[in-house]
Amino acid sequence: MSDREPYQPDNIFAKILRGEIPCYRVYEDDVALAFLDIMPQADGHTLVIPKLAVRGLPDMPVDSWGPFMQRVQKVAKAIKVAMAAEGLNLRQFDGAAGGQTVFHFHMHIIPRWEGIALRRHGELNEKPENLKATAEKIRAAF
């Protein structure tokens, strides 16, 4: 896939935003939606996506960065509290060569603990009951 292609409104995150595909929501407002990654690298691994149709990092309007990153920070704080995390990884992959697989801009928030390695992404499809419990825990931390 060329990184010069336009935004494709049939990507999975666009479908989640439109309510066509379910997700384990932890936060939502007029700017962003945050939901659990179903193949988490750690318990509480959350994705934050803008409600704008934005393919990648270079496409994000400059005036949208501040409000979006405020939501990322708000979600990160709730995750850290809810998961009793000792630290966090914030990741963003841009373009196919950069590791991006869903071409709707998104940030990964991954809780971390000393001595616990990350799982490989795609290695584990988390059980729905675990995702539901984790989402409830994070929502309660707001």
Protein backbone atom coordinates (compact mmCIF):
# COMPACT_ATOMS: atom_id res chain seq x y z
CA MET A 1 0.00 0.00 0.00
CA SER A 2 1.41 3.35 -0.97
CA ASP A 3 1.65 5.97 1.76
CA ARG A 4 0.41 8.51 -0.79
CA GLU A 5 -3.02 6.94 -1.01
CA PRO A 6 -5.97 8.94 0.32
CA TYR A 7 -7.84 8.06 3.48
CA GLN A 8 -9.96 4.94 3.01
CA PRO A 9 -13.29 5.23 4.90
CA ASP A 10 -13.70 1.44 5.00
CA ASN A 11 -10.76 0.89 7.41
CA ILE A 12 -11.58 -0.92 10.65
CA PHE A 13 -11.18 2.17 12.86
CA ALA A 14 -13.55 4.19 10.68
CA LYS A 15 -16.04 1.35 11.00
CA ILE A 16 -15.60 1.39 14.79
CA LEU A 17 -16.21 5.16 14.82
CA ARG A 18 -19.42 4.67 12.84
CA GLY A 19 -20.58 1.92 15.22
CA GLU A 20 -20.42 -0.77 12.52
CA ILE A 21 -17.90 -2.83 14.50
CA PRO A 22 -17.96 -3.15 18.30
CA CYS A 23 -15.05 -2.28 20.54
CA TYR A 24 -14.21 -2.11 24.23
CA ARG A 25 -14.53 1.66 24.75
CA VAL A 26 -12.77 3.30 27.62
CA TYR A 27 -13.27 6.98 26.67
CA GLU A 28 -15.10 9.02 24.07
CA ASP A 29 -15.87 12.67 23.42
CA ASP A 30 -16.20 14.94 20.38
CA VAL A 31 -12.45 14.78 19.63
CA ALA A 32 -11.35 11.20 20.22
CA LEU A 33 -12.31 7.61 20.92
CA ALA A 34 -10.19 5.31 23.09
CA PHE A 35 -10.67 1.55 23.10
CA LEU A 36 -8.75 -1.57 24.07
CA ASP A 37 -6.50 -3.31 21.59
CA ILE A 38 -7.92 -6.83 21.19
CA MET A 39 -4.37 -8.16 20.67
CA PRO A 40 -2.73 -6.36 23.59
CA GLN A 41 0.98 -6.26 24.19
CA ALA A 42 0.14 -5.77 27.89
CA ASP A 43 -3.06 -5.74 29.91
CA GLY A 44 -4.71 -2.35 29.39
CA HIS A 45 -3.14 -1.70 25.96
CA THR A 46 -5.37 1.05 24.57
CA LEU A 47 -5.68 2.81 21.22
CA VAL A 48 -6.69 6.46 20.95
CA ILE A 49 -7.99 7.64 17.59
CA PRO A 50 -9.15 11.05 16.42
CA LYS A 51 -12.70 11.39 15.18
CA LEU A 52 -11.26 13.03 12.06
CA ALA A 53 -10.72 11.04 8.88
CA VAL A 54 -6.91 11.18 9.11
CA ARG A 55 -4.71 8.53 7.50
CA GLY A 56 -1.42 9.18 9.26
CA LEU A 57 0.70 11.56 11.31
CA PRO A 58 1.45 14.02 8.46
CA ASP A 59 -2.27 14.33 7.74
CA MET A 60 -3.31 15.47 11.22
CA PRO A 61 -4.33 19.16 11.07
CA VAL A 62 -1.99 21.31 13.16
CA ASP A 63 -4.86 22.85 15.15
CA SER A 64 -6.13 19.37 16.08
CA TRP A 65 -2.92 18.20 17.76
CA GLY A 66 -3.43 20.01 21.07
CA PRO A 67 -7.00 18.83 21.70
CA PHE A 68 -6.16 15.29 20.55
CA MET A 69 -3.04 15.00 22.72
CA GLN A 70 -5.00 16.32 25.72
CA ARG A 71 -7.28 13.29 25.29
CA VAL A 72 -4.29 10.96 24.92
CA GLN A 73 -2.88 12.33 28.19
CA LYS A 74 -6.25 12.01 29.96
CA VAL A 75 -6.60 8.38 28.86
CA ALA A 76 -2.98 7.62 29.77
CA LYS A 77 -3.51 8.92 33.32
CA ALA A 78 -6.61 6.75 33.76
CA ILE A 79 -4.79 3.68 32.42
CA LYS A 80 -1.84 4.22 34.74
CA VAL A 81 -4.15 4.44 37.77
CA ALA A 82 -6.53 1.63 36.74
CA MET A 83 -3.78 -0.83 35.86
CA ALA A 84 -1.44 0.22 38.69
CA ALA A 85 1.18 0.67 35.98
CA GLU A 86 4.71 1.68 36.89
CA GLY A 87 5.18 3.34 33.52
CA LEU A 88 3.70 3.75 30.06
CA ASN A 89 4.78 3.39 26.46
CA LEU A 90 3.22 5.78 23.97
CA ARG A 91 3.65 4.56 20.40
CA GLN A 92 2.64 5.72 16.96
CA PHE A 93 3.45 3.94 13.71
CA ASP A 94 3.22 5.95 10.50
CA GLY A 95 3.09 4.46 7.02
CA ALA A 96 3.52 0.86 5.98
CA ALA A 97 7.31 1.14 6.23
CA GLY A 98 6.87 2.50 9.78
CA GLY A 99 4.76 -0.47 10.84
CA GLN A 100 1.30 1.07 10.48
CA THR A 101 -1.29 -1.60 9.64
CA VAL A 102 -4.55 0.34 10.09
CA PHE A 103 -4.48 3.53 8.06
CA HIS A 104 -6.44 5.75 10.44
CA PHE A 105 -4.09 7.77 12.65
CA HIS A 106 -3.85 6.30 16.16
CA MET A 107 -1.74 6.28 19.29
CA HIS A 108 -1.00 3.21 21.39
CA ILE A 109 -0.88 3.56 25.18
CA ILE A 110 0.73 0.50 26.75
CA PRO A 111 1.01 0.15 30.52
CA ARG A 112 4.37 -1.17 31.79
CA TRP A 113 5.72 -2.86 34.90
CA GLU A 114 9.31 -3.61 35.88
CA GLY A 115 10.40 -7.10 34.88
CA ILE A 116 7.37 -7.82 32.67
CA ALA A 117 8.13 -8.05 28.97
CA LEU A 118 5.67 -6.95 26.32
CA ARG A 119 3.84 -9.61 24.37
CA ARG A 120 4.27 -9.56 20.61
CA HIS A 121 1.44 -7.71 18.89
CA GLY A 122 -0.90 -10.14 17.18
CA GLU A 123 0.33 -13.03 19.30
CA LEU A 124 -2.69 -13.18 21.61
CA ASN A 125 -6.35 -12.43 20.99
CA GLU A 126 -7.47 -11.50 24.48
CA LYS A 127 -10.58 -13.18 25.86
CA PRO A 128 -13.68 -10.96 25.64
CA GLU A 129 -14.40 -11.33 29.37
CA ASN A 130 -10.90 -10.05 30.19
CA LEU A 131 -11.26 -7.10 27.80
CA LYS A 132 -14.65 -6.23 29.29
CA ALA A 133 -13.26 -6.28 32.85
CA THR A 134 -10.22 -4.21 31.86
CA ALA A 135 -12.37 -1.62 30.05
CA GLU A 136 -14.62 -1.29 33.12
CA LYS A 137 -11.57 -0.82 35.35
CA ILE A 138 -10.15 1.92 33.12
CA ARG A 139 -13.50 3.72 32.74
CA ALA A 140 -13.85 3.76 36.54
CA ALA A 141 -10.49 5.56 36.83
CA PHE A 142 -11.69 8.72 35.01
